[in-house]
């Protein structure tokens, strides 16, 4: 059940949230909001793959 929720969230992230790796964002110059989005996407992806 938990894994299915994270898979749905991962699809939502892919559709709605920006992909900073495609934009070649420098993490040293990223804003707090951008870092929060990167962290959220990492958390969801990690849990969807477990």
PDB file of N, CA and C in Angstrom:
ATOM      1  N   UNK A   1       0.823  -1.199   0.000  1.00  0.00           N
ATOM      2  CA  UNK A   1       0.000   0.000   0.000  1.00  0.00           C
ATOM      3  C   UNK A   1       0.867   1.264   0.000  1.00  0.00           C
ATOM      4  N   UNK A   2       1.847   1.291   0.907  1.00  0.00           N
ATOM      5  CA  UNK A   2       2.718   2.465   1.013  1.00  0.00           C
ATOM      6  C   UNK A   2       3.488   2.679  -0.289  1.00  0.00           C
ATOM      7  N   UNK A   3       3.968   1.600  -0.877  1.00  0.00           N
ATOM      8  CA  UNK A   3       4.742   1.702  -2.114  1.00  0.00           C
ATOM      9  C   UNK A   3       3.882   2.255  -3.255  1.00  0.00           C
ATOM     10  N   UNK A   4       2.631   1.863  -3.315  1.00  0.00           N
ATOM     11  CA  UNK A   4       1.733   2.340  -4.365  1.00  0.00           C
ATOM     12  C   UNK A   4       1.497   3.844  -4.239  1.00  0.00           C
ATOM     13  N   UNK A   5       1.388   4.325  -3.015  1.00  0.00           N
ATOM     14  CA  UNK A   5       1.192   5.760  -2.791  1.00  0.00           C
ATOM     15  C   UNK A   5       2.403   6.528  -3.298  1.00  0.00           C
ATOM     16  N   UNK A   6       3.594   6.016  -3.010  1.00  0.00           N
ATOM     17  CA  UNK A   6       4.804   6.699  -3.457  1.00  0.00           C
ATOM     18  C   UNK A   6       4.970   6.620  -4.970  1.00  0.00           C
ATOM     19  N   UNK A   7       4.499   5.553  -5.586  1.00  0.00           N
ATOM     20  CA  UNK A   7       4.559   5.477  -7.052  1.00  0.00           C
ATOM     21  C   UNK A   7       3.645   6.519  -7.687  1.00  0.00           C
ATOM     22  N   UNK A   8       2.484   6.730  -7.100  1.00  0.00           N
ATOM     23  CA  UNK A   8       1.567   7.765  -7.591  1.00  0.00           C
ATOM     24  C   UNK A   8       2.183   9.148  -7.391  1.00  0.00           C
ATOM     25  N   UNK A   9       2.794   9.370  -6.217  1.00  0.00           N
ATOM     26  CA  UNK A   9       3.465  10.640  -5.967  1.00  0.00           C
ATOM     27  C   UNK A   9       4.624  10.859  -6.941  1.00  0.00           C
ATOM     28  N   UNK A  10       5.336   9.799  -7.303  1.00  0.00           N
ATOM     29  CA  UNK A  10       6.446   9.921  -8.251  1.00  0.00           C
ATOM     30  C   UNK A  10       5.929  10.351  -9.628  1.00  0.00           C
ATOM     31  N   UNK A  11       4.801   9.827 -10.038  1.00  0.00           N
ATOM     32  CA  UNK A  11       4.213  10.240 -11.320  1.00  0.00           C
ATOM     33  C   UNK A  11       3.775  11.698 -11.266  1.00  0.00           C
ATOM     34  N   UNK A  12       3.218  12.103 -10.135  1.00  0.00           N
ATOM     35  CA  UNK A  12       2.824  13.497  -9.940  1.00  0.00           C
ATOM     36  C   UNK A  12       4.051  14.408 -10.005  1.00  0.00           C
ATOM     37  N   UNK A  13       5.122  14.006  -9.330  1.00  0.00           N
ATOM     38  CA  UNK A  13       6.359  14.798  -9.347  1.00  0.00           C
ATOM     39  C   UNK A  13       6.886  14.961 -10.765  1.00  0.00           C
ATOM     40  N   UNK A  14       6.874  13.889 -11.523  1.00  0.00           N
ATOM     41  CA  UNK A  14       7.407  13.942 -12.882  1.00  0.00           C
ATOM     42  C   UNK A  14       6.584  14.872 -13.760  1.00  0.00           C
ATOM     43  N   UNK A  15       5.282  14.890 -13.547  1.00  0.00           N
ATOM     44  CA  UNK A  15       4.396  15.698 -14.385  1.00  0.00           C
ATOM     45  C   UNK A  15       4.378  17.172 -13.988  1.00  0.00           C
ATOM     46  N   UNK A  16       4.462  17.453 -12.702  1.00  0.00           N
ATOM     47  CA  UNK A  16       4.231  18.812 -12.218  1.00  0.00           C
ATOM     48  C   UNK A  16       5.516  19.555 -11.849  1.00  0.00           C
ATOM     49  N   UNK A  17       6.381  18.932 -11.093  1.00  0.00           N
ATOM     50  CA  UNK A  17       7.563  19.622 -10.575  1.00  0.00           C
ATOM     51  C   UNK A  17       8.666  19.708 -11.627  1.00  0.00           C
ATOM     52  N   UNK A  18       9.455  20.770 -11.583  1.00  0.00           N
ATOM     53  CA  UNK A  18      10.521  20.934 -12.581  1.00  0.00           C
ATOM     54  C   UNK A  18      11.666  19.957 -12.351  1.00  0.00           C
ATOM     55  N   UNK A  19      12.328  19.577 -13.440  1.00  0.00           N
ATOM     56  CA  UNK A  19      13.502  18.716 -13.369  1.00  0.00           C
ATOM     57  C   UNK A  19      14.741  19.595 -13.476  1.00  0.00           C
ATOM     58  N   UNK A  20      15.447  19.717 -12.371  1.00  0.00           N
ATOM     59  CA  UNK A  20      16.612  20.594 -12.352  1.00  0.00           C
ATOM     60  C   UNK A  20      17.833  19.931 -12.979  1.00  0.00           C
ATOM     61  N   UNK A  21      17.849  18.614 -13.079  1.00  0.00           N
ATOM     62  CA  UNK A  21      18.990  17.958 -13.717  1.00  0.00           C
ATOM     63  C   UNK A  21      19.004  18.242 -15.218  1.00  0.00           C
ATOM     64  N   UNK A  22      17.850  18.380 -15.812  1.00  0.00           N
ATOM     65  CA  UNK A  22      17.786  18.707 -17.237  1.00  0.00           C
ATOM     66  C   UNK A  22      18.187  20.152 -17.494  1.00  0.00           C
ATOM     67  N   UNK A  23      18.006  21.009 -16.479  1.00  0.00           N
ATOM     68  CA  UNK A  23      18.356  22.423 -16.612  1.00  0.00           C
ATOM     69  C   UNK A  23      19.799  22.693 -16.179  1.00  0.00           C
ATOM     70  N   UNK A  24      20.528  21.656 -15.760  1.00  0.00           N
ATOM     71  CA  UNK A  24      21.917  21.757 -15.315  1.00  0.00           C
ATOM     72  C   UNK A  24      22.070  22.768 -14.186  1.00  0.00           C
ATOM     73  N   UNK A  25      21.217  22.637 -13.176  1.00  0.00           N
ATOM     74  CA  UNK A  25      21.247  23.538 -12.030  1.00  0.00           C
ATOM     75  C   UNK A  25      22.458  23.236 -11.156  1.00  0.00           C
ATOM     76  N   UNK A  26      23.202  24.268 -10.793  1.00  0.00           N
ATOM     77  CA  UNK A  26      24.327  24.130  -9.880  1.00  0.00           C
ATOM     78  C   UNK A  26      23.774  24.129  -8.458  1.00  0.00           C
ATOM     79  N   UNK A  27      24.016  23.051  -7.705  1.00  0.00           N
ATOM     80  CA  UNK A  27      23.461  22.945  -6.359  1.00  0.00           C
ATOM     81  C   UNK A  27      24.007  24.018  -5.418  1.00  0.00           C
ATOM     82  N   UNK A  28      25.201  24.500  -5.674  1.00  0.00           N
ATOM     83  CA  UNK A  28      25.766  25.541  -4.829  1.00  0.00           C
ATOM     84  C   UNK A  28      25.023  26.865  -5.001  1.00  0.00           C
ATOM     85  N   UNK A  29      24.399  27.057  -6.151  1.00  0.00           N
ATOM     86  CA  UNK A  29      23.683  28.306  -6.427  1.00  0.00           C
ATOM     87  C   UNK A  29      22.168  28.154  -6.315  1.00  0.00           C
ATOM     88  N   UNK A  30      21.703  26.992  -5.919  1.00  0.00           N
ATOM     89  CA  UNK A  30      20.263  26.734  -5.839  1.00  0.00           C
ATOM     90  C   UNK A  30      19.655  27.449  -4.636  1.00  0.00           C
ATOM     91  N   UNK A  31      18.420  27.891  -4.807  1.00  0.00           N
ATOM     92  CA  UNK A  31      17.712  28.542  -3.703  1.00  0.00           C
ATOM     93  C   UNK A  31      17.184  27.481  -2.734  1.00  0.00           C
ATOM     94  N   UNK A  32      16.693  27.935  -1.606  1.00  0.00           N
ATOM     95  CA  UNK A  32      16.156  27.015  -0.595  1.00  0.00           C
ATOM     96  C   UNK A  32      14.949  26.254  -1.143  1.00  0.00           C
ATOM     97  N   UNK A  33      14.119  26.909  -1.927  1.00  0.00           N
ATOM     98  CA  UNK A  33      12.955  26.252  -2.513  1.00  0.00           C
ATOM     99  C   UNK A  33      13.383  25.167  -3.495  1.00  0.00           C
ATOM    100  N   UNK A  34      14.371  25.469  -4.316  1.00  0.00           N
ATOM    101  CA  UNK A  34      14.862  24.488  -5.272  1.00  0.00           C
ATOM    102  C   UNK A  34      15.465  23.285  -4.550  1.00  0.00           C
ATOM    103  N   UNK A  35      16.209  23.521  -3.483  1.00  0.00           N
ATOM    104  CA  UNK A  35      16.785  22.427  -2.703  1.00  0.00           C
ATOM    105  C   UNK A  35      15.689  21.588  -2.041  1.00  0.00           C
ATOM    106  N   UNK A  36      14.628  22.241  -1.595  1.00  0.00           N
ATOM    107  CA  UNK A  36      13.508  21.515  -0.990  1.00  0.00           C
ATOM    108  C   UNK A  36      12.820  20.628  -2.026  1.00  0.00           C
ATOM    109  N   UNK A  37      12.651  21.119  -3.239  1.00  0.00           N
ATOM    110  CA  UNK A  37      12.030  20.330  -4.302  1.00  0.00           C
ATOM    111  C   UNK A  37      12.911  19.141  -4.657  1.00  0.00           C
ATOM    112  N   UNK A  38      14.217  19.354  -4.747  1.00  0.00           N
ATOM    113  CA  UNK A  38      15.145  18.257  -5.042  1.00  0.00           C
ATOM    114  C   UNK A  38      15.083  17.200  -3.944  1.00  0.00           C
ATOM    115  N   UNK A  39      15.065  17.641  -2.692  1.00  0.00           N
ATOM    116  CA  UNK A  39      14.972  16.710  -1.567  1.00  0.00           C
ATOM    117  C   UNK A  39      13.674  15.930  -1.569  1.00  0.00           C
ATOM    118  N   UNK A  40      12.571  16.590  -1.857  1.00  0.00           N
ATOM    119  CA  UNK A  40      11.264  15.927  -1.917  1.00  0.00           C
ATOM    120  C   UNK A  40      11.236  14.883  -3.018  1.00  0.00           C
ATOM    121  N   UNK A  41      11.747  15.232  -4.201  1.00  0.00           N
ATOM    122  CA  UNK A  41      11.762  14.291  -5.320  1.00  0.00           C
ATOM    123  C   UNK A  41      12.635  13.090  -4.999  1.00  0.00           C
ATOM    124  N   UNK A  42      13.758  13.321  -4.327  1.00  0.00           N
ATOM    125  CA  UNK A  42      14.644  12.223  -3.930  1.00  0.00           C
ATOM    126  C   UNK A  42      13.931  11.299  -2.941  1.00  0.00           C
ATOM    127  N   UNK A  43      13.283  11.882  -1.936  1.00  0.00           N
ATOM    128  CA  UNK A  43      12.575  11.101  -0.918  1.00  0.00           C
ATOM    129  C   UNK A  43      11.492  10.228  -1.544  1.00  0.00           C
ATOM    130  N   UNK A  44      10.698  10.801  -2.436  1.00  0.00           N
ATOM    131  CA  UNK A  44       9.608  10.059  -3.063  1.00  0.00           C
ATOM    132  C   UNK A  44      10.159   8.960  -3.966  1.00  0.00           C
ATOM    133  N   UNK A  45      11.176   9.274  -4.754  1.00  0.00           N
ATOM    134  CA  UNK A  45      11.754   8.280  -5.653  1.00  0.00           C
ATOM    135  C   UNK A  45      12.369   7.128  -4.876  1.00  0.00           C
ATOM    136  N   UNK A  46      13.076   7.434  -3.818  1.00  0.00           N
ATOM    137  CA  UNK A  46      13.700   6.409  -2.982  1.00  0.00           C
ATOM    138  C   UNK A  46      12.656   5.456  -2.412  1.00  0.00           C
ATOM    139  N   UNK A  47      11.565   5.993  -1.914  1.00  0.00           N
ATOM    140  CA  UNK A  47      10.523   5.154  -1.322  1.00  0.00           C
ATOM    141  C   UNK A  47       9.699   4.415  -2.361  1.00  0.00           C
ATOM    142  N   UNK A  48       9.591   4.950  -3.568  1.00  0.00           N
ATOM    143  CA  UNK A  48       8.843   4.273  -4.614  1.00  0.00           C
ATOM    144  C   UNK A  48       9.622   3.051  -5.130  1.00  0.00           C
ATOM    145  N   UNK A  49      10.946   3.092  -5.029  1.00  0.00           N
ATOM    146  CA  UNK A  49      11.763   1.989  -5.520  1.00  0.00           C
ATOM    147  C   UNK A  49      11.976   0.893  -4.492  1.00  0.00           C
ATOM    148  N   UNK A  50      11.772   1.188  -3.212  1.00  0.00           N
ATOM    149  CA  UNK A  50      11.981   0.175  -2.154  1.00  0.00           C
ATOM    150  C   UNK A  50      11.045  -0.982  -2.254  1.00  0.00           C
TER     151      UNK A  50
END
